Amino acid sequence: MKINFSKKQFENLIKLVYLGNWMINAIRVGDEKIKKYDEIEQYIYSFAKDFGLEKYIEFSKKYNKFFPARELEEGTDVEQYREEYDNETFWEDLIDRLTRRDFVKKYGEETVKKMSLEERIEKEYPFEEKYRNEFEKNGIENLKV
């Protein structure tokens, strides 16, 4: 099987691969990295020069690996997408964790486990709405530890 890409399509593929592997492996180091995603990233990056996109991907002889060039990270929209993703997941995760904490505190872990999905959603919603409204209005200004 062969897949043909235009230069623009391959540029977008490089960005997708970069962002996807970053999401999966940026939080991991060394042997913790999920190798199959690093491998596909290396494979895709190996074709960058063929598409005239070597400004985005550099090869290191020292490490015998391809790396995203500064131009990919700073000269394209990938950093904007990473920041948007981080920002959105931060707020969603914070709201979810605080909602869950308060919900379980009020009803108890065993009672929550016995609730139907519909009941859980209905009873959890006021907690979620409280935090969502607070953070939309004030950000982290009122958080205290």
C-alpha atoms as a PDB file:
ATOM      1  CA  MET A   1       0.000   0.000   0.000  1.00  0.00           C
ATOM      2  CA  LYS A   2       1.236   3.460  -0.828  1.00  0.00           C
ATOM      3  CA  ILE A   3      -0.088   6.791   0.400  1.00  0.00           C
ATOM      4  CA  ASN A   4       0.654   9.997  -1.460  1.00  0.00           C
ATOM      5  CA  PHE A   5       0.840  13.364   0.273  1.00  0.00           C
ATOM      6  CA  SER A   6       1.162  16.862  -1.024  1.00  0.00           C
ATOM      7  CA  LYS A   7       3.837  18.959   0.664  1.00  0.00           C
ATOM      8  CA  LYS A   8       1.168  20.782   2.706  1.00  0.00           C
ATOM      9  CA  GLN A   9      -0.480  17.517   3.750  1.00  0.00           C
ATOM     10  CA  PHE A  10       2.870  16.120   4.864  1.00  0.00           C
ATOM     11  CA  GLU A  11       3.610  19.301   6.804  1.00  0.00           C
ATOM     12  CA  ASN A  12       0.290  18.851   8.602  1.00  0.00           C
ATOM     13  CA  LEU A  13       1.109  15.185   9.214  1.00  0.00           C
ATOM     14  CA  ILE A  14       4.414  16.187  10.808  1.00  0.00           C
ATOM     15  CA  LYS A  15       2.508  18.553  13.105  1.00  0.00           C
ATOM     16  CA  LEU A  16      -0.028  15.864  14.021  1.00  0.00           C
ATOM     17  CA  VAL A  17       2.684  13.318  14.735  1.00  0.00           C
ATOM     18  CA  TYR A  18       4.632  15.842  16.783  1.00  0.00           C
ATOM     19  CA  LEU A  19       1.579  16.825  18.840  1.00  0.00           C
ATOM     20  CA  GLY A  20       0.389  13.244  19.243  1.00  0.00           C
ATOM     21  CA  ASN A  21       3.726  11.900  20.416  1.00  0.00           C
ATOM     22  CA  TRP A  22       4.210  14.936  22.620  1.00  0.00           C
ATOM     23  CA  MET A  23       0.872  14.264  24.329  1.00  0.00           C
ATOM     24  CA  ILE A  24       1.760  10.617  24.865  1.00  0.00           C
ATOM     25  CA  ASN A  25       5.468  10.783  25.698  1.00  0.00           C
ATOM     26  CA  ALA A  26       6.297  14.278  26.978  1.00  0.00           C
ATOM     27  CA  ILE A  27       5.405  13.177  30.504  1.00  0.00           C
ATOM     28  CA  ARG A  28       7.646  10.117  30.276  1.00  0.00           C
ATOM     29  CA  VAL A  29      11.425   9.711  30.408  1.00  0.00           C
ATOM     30  CA  GLY A  30      13.802   7.009  29.247  1.00  0.00           C
ATOM     31  CA  ASP A  31      12.337   3.514  29.318  1.00  0.00           C
ATOM     32  CA  GLU A  32       8.937   4.865  30.367  1.00  0.00           C
ATOM     33  CA  LYS A  33       8.419   6.279  26.863  1.00  0.00           C
ATOM     34  CA  ILE A  34       6.000   4.354  24.714  1.00  0.00           C
ATOM     35  CA  LYS A  35       8.346   3.148  22.028  1.00  0.00           C
ATOM     36  CA  LYS A  36       5.814   2.424  19.274  1.00  0.00           C
ATOM     37  CA  TYR A  37       4.910   6.125  19.123  1.00  0.00           C
ATOM     38  CA  ASP A  38       8.530   7.254  19.103  1.00  0.00           C
ATOM     39  CA  GLU A  39       9.144   4.797  16.275  1.00  0.00           C
ATOM     40  CA  ILE A  40       6.308   6.074  14.096  1.00  0.00           C
ATOM     41  CA  GLU A  41       7.424   9.632  14.796  1.00  0.00           C
ATOM     42  CA  GLN A  42      10.946   8.773  13.649  1.00  0.00           C
ATOM     43  CA  TYR A  43       9.569   7.090  10.536  1.00  0.00           C
ATOM     44  CA  ILE A  44       7.436  10.071   9.540  1.00  0.00           C
ATOM     45  CA  TYR A  45      10.217  12.541  10.342  1.00  0.00           C
ATOM     46  CA  SER A  46      12.595  10.558   8.125  1.00  0.00           C
ATOM     47  CA  PHE A  47      10.643  11.728   5.054  1.00  0.00           C
ATOM     48  CA  ALA A  48      10.730  15.457   5.902  1.00  0.00           C
ATOM     49  CA  LYS A  49      13.707  16.152   3.661  1.00  0.00           C
ATOM     50  CA  ASP A  50      12.003  14.382   0.738  1.00  0.00           C
ATOM     51  CA  PHE A  51       9.186  16.907   1.031  1.00  0.00           C
ATOM     52  CA  GLY A  52      11.514  19.889   1.407  1.00  0.00           C
ATOM     53  CA  LEU A  53      10.528  20.283   5.056  1.00  0.00           C
ATOM     54  CA  GLU A  54      13.938  19.874   6.674  1.00  0.00           C
ATOM     55  CA  LYS A  55      13.446  23.271   8.333  1.00  0.00           C
ATOM     56  CA  TYR A  56      11.001  21.465  10.653  1.00  0.00           C
ATOM     57  CA  ILE A  57      12.961  18.281  11.323  1.00  0.00           C
ATOM     58  CA  GLU A  58      16.658  17.937  12.084  1.00  0.00           C
ATOM     59  CA  PHE A  59      18.747  14.786  12.184  1.00  0.00           C
ATOM     60  CA  SER A  60      21.292  14.363  14.968  1.00  0.00           C
ATOM     61  CA  LYS A  61      24.238  12.183  14.030  1.00  0.00           C
ATOM     62  CA  LYS A  62      25.232  12.072  17.685  1.00  0.00           C
ATOM     63  CA  TYR A  63      21.934  10.452  18.722  1.00  0.00           C
ATOM     64  CA  ASN A  64      21.118   8.919  15.326  1.00  0.00           C
ATOM     65  CA  LYS A  65      17.613  10.366  15.634  1.00  0.00           C
ATOM     66  CA  PHE A  66      15.353  12.962  14.115  1.00  0.00           C
ATOM     67  CA  PHE A  67      14.241  15.847  16.291  1.00  0.00           C
ATOM     68  CA  PRO A  68      11.707  18.637  15.794  1.00  0.00           C
ATOM     69  CA  ALA A  69      13.565  21.794  14.830  1.00  0.00           C
ATOM     70  CA  ARG A  70      12.967  25.085  16.570  1.00  0.00           C
ATOM     71  CA  GLU A  71      11.127  26.234  13.439  1.00  0.00           C
ATOM     72  CA  LEU A  72       8.458  23.562  13.989  1.00  0.00           C
ATOM     73  CA  GLU A  73       7.955  24.514  17.620  1.00  0.00           C
ATOM     74  CA  GLU A  74       8.248  28.278  17.267  1.00  0.00           C
ATOM     75  CA  GLY A  75       7.480  29.010  13.621  1.00  0.00           C
ATOM     76  CA  THR A  76       4.208  27.108  13.292  1.00  0.00           C
ATOM     77  CA  ASP A  77       0.946  26.818  15.167  1.00  0.00           C
ATOM     78  CA  VAL A  78       1.906  23.698  17.162  1.00  0.00           C
ATOM     79  CA  GLU A  79       2.855  25.629  20.295  1.00  0.00           C
ATOM     80  CA  GLN A  80      -0.471  27.469  20.185  1.00  0.00           C
ATOM     81  CA  TYR A  81      -2.293  24.120  20.027  1.00  0.00           C
ATOM     82  CA  ARG A  82      -0.227  22.731  22.916  1.00  0.00           C
ATOM     83  CA  GLU A  83      -1.002  25.781  25.038  1.00  0.00           C
ATOM     84  CA  GLU A  84      -4.714  25.630  24.206  1.00  0.00           C
ATOM     85  CA  TYR A  85      -4.770  21.933  25.045  1.00  0.00           C
ATOM     86  CA  ASP A  86      -2.884  22.412  28.322  1.00  0.00           C
ATOM     87  CA  ASN A  87      -5.098  25.298  29.349  1.00  0.00           C
ATOM     88  CA  GLU A  88      -8.338  23.498  28.592  1.00  0.00           C
ATOM     89  CA  THR A  89      -7.304  20.212  30.196  1.00  0.00           C
ATOM     90  CA  PHE A  90      -6.056  22.052  33.295  1.00  0.00           C
ATOM     91  CA  TRP A  91      -9.436  23.642  33.941  1.00  0.00           C
ATOM     92  CA  GLU A  92     -11.424  20.519  33.069  1.00  0.00           C
ATOM     93  CA  ASP A  93      -9.243  18.329  35.272  1.00  0.00           C
ATOM     94  CA  LEU A  94      -9.346  20.791  38.164  1.00  0.00           C
ATOM     95  CA  ILE A  95     -13.138  21.045  37.966  1.00  0.00           C
ATOM     96  CA  ASP A  96     -13.512  17.257  37.677  1.00  0.00           C
ATOM     97  CA  ARG A  97     -11.265  16.540  40.662  1.00  0.00           C
ATOM     98  CA  LEU A  98     -12.848  19.132  42.927  1.00  0.00           C
ATOM     99  CA  THR A  99     -16.327  18.030  41.868  1.00  0.00           C
ATOM    100  CA  ARG A 100     -15.511  14.401  42.586  1.00  0.00           C
ATOM    101  CA  ARG A 101     -13.933  15.245  45.946  1.00  0.00           C
ATOM    102  CA  ASP A 102     -16.920  17.238  47.175  1.00  0.00           C
ATOM    103  CA  PHE A 103     -19.460  14.822  45.727  1.00  0.00           C
ATOM    104  CA  VAL A 104     -17.887  11.821  47.480  1.00  0.00           C
ATOM    105  CA  LYS A 105     -17.443  13.839  50.675  1.00  0.00           C
ATOM    106  CA  LYS A 106     -21.168  14.642  50.722  1.00  0.00           C
ATOM    107  CA  TYR A 107     -22.589  11.223  49.759  1.00  0.00           C
ATOM    108  CA  GLY A 108     -19.819   8.772  50.692  1.00  0.00           C
ATOM    109  CA  GLU A 109     -17.871   6.452  48.409  1.00  0.00           C
ATOM    110  CA  GLU A 110     -20.148   3.444  48.940  1.00  0.00           C
ATOM    111  CA  THR A 111     -23.335   5.415  48.247  1.00  0.00           C
ATOM    112  CA  VAL A 112     -21.825   6.930  45.101  1.00  0.00           C
ATOM    113  CA  LYS A 113     -20.843   3.446  43.844  1.00  0.00           C
ATOM    114  CA  LYS A 114     -24.455   2.303  44.214  1.00  0.00           C
ATOM    115  CA  MET A 115     -25.916   5.278  42.310  1.00  0.00           C
ATOM    116  CA  SER A 116     -27.157   4.840  38.778  1.00  0.00           C
ATOM    117  CA  LEU A 117     -25.416   6.839  36.103  1.00  0.00           C
ATOM    118  CA  GLU A 118     -28.387   9.192  35.827  1.00  0.00           C
ATOM    119  CA  GLU A 119     -28.520   9.783  39.593  1.00  0.00           C
ATOM    120  CA  ARG A 120     -24.783  10.373  39.775  1.00  0.00           C
ATOM    121  CA  ILE A 121     -24.883  12.891  36.928  1.00  0.00           C
ATOM    122  CA  GLU A 122     -27.850  14.694  38.484  1.00  0.00           C
ATOM    123  CA  LYS A 123     -26.303  14.911  41.953  1.00  0.00           C
ATOM    124  CA  GLU A 124     -22.810  15.693  40.730  1.00  0.00           C
ATOM    125  CA  TYR A 125     -23.889  18.519  38.446  1.00  0.00           C
ATOM    126  CA  PRO A 126     -24.353  21.218  41.140  1.00  0.00           C
ATOM    127  CA  PHE A 127     -20.769  20.700  42.304  1.00  0.00           C
ATOM    128  CA  GLU A 128     -19.458  20.915  38.758  1.00  0.00           C
ATOM    129  CA  GLU A 129     -21.535  23.994  38.004  1.00  0.00           C
ATOM    130  CA  LYS A 130     -20.276  25.709  41.179  1.00  0.00           C
ATOM    131  CA  TYR A 131     -16.627  25.220  40.221  1.00  0.00           C
ATOM    132  CA  ARG A 132     -17.147  25.962  36.545  1.00  0.00           C
ATOM    133  CA  ASN A 133     -18.835  29.283  37.375  1.00  0.00           C
ATOM    134  CA  GLU A 134     -16.206  30.176  39.965  1.00  0.00           C
ATOM    135  CA  PHE A 135     -13.262  29.525  37.653  1.00  0.00           C
ATOM    136  CA  GLU A 136     -14.876  31.264  34.681  1.00  0.00           C
ATOM    137  CA  LYS A 137     -15.447  34.325  36.844  1.00  0.00           C
ATOM    138  CA  ASN A 138     -12.290  34.375  38.983  1.00  0.00           C
ATOM    139  CA  GLY A 139      -9.775  31.902  37.595  1.00  0.00           C
ATOM    140  CA  ILE A 140      -7.589  30.633  40.460  1.00  0.00           C
ATOM    141  CA  GLU A 141      -7.812  33.891  42.414  1.00  0.00           C
ATOM    142  CA  ASN A 142      -9.918  32.387  45.205  1.00  0.00           C
ATOM    143  CA  LEU A 143      -8.124  29.018  45.512  1.00  0.00           C
ATOM    144  CA  LYS A 144      -6.582  28.468  48.930  1.00  0.00           C
ATOM    145  CA  VAL A 145      -4.593  25.601  50.353  1.00  0.00           C
END
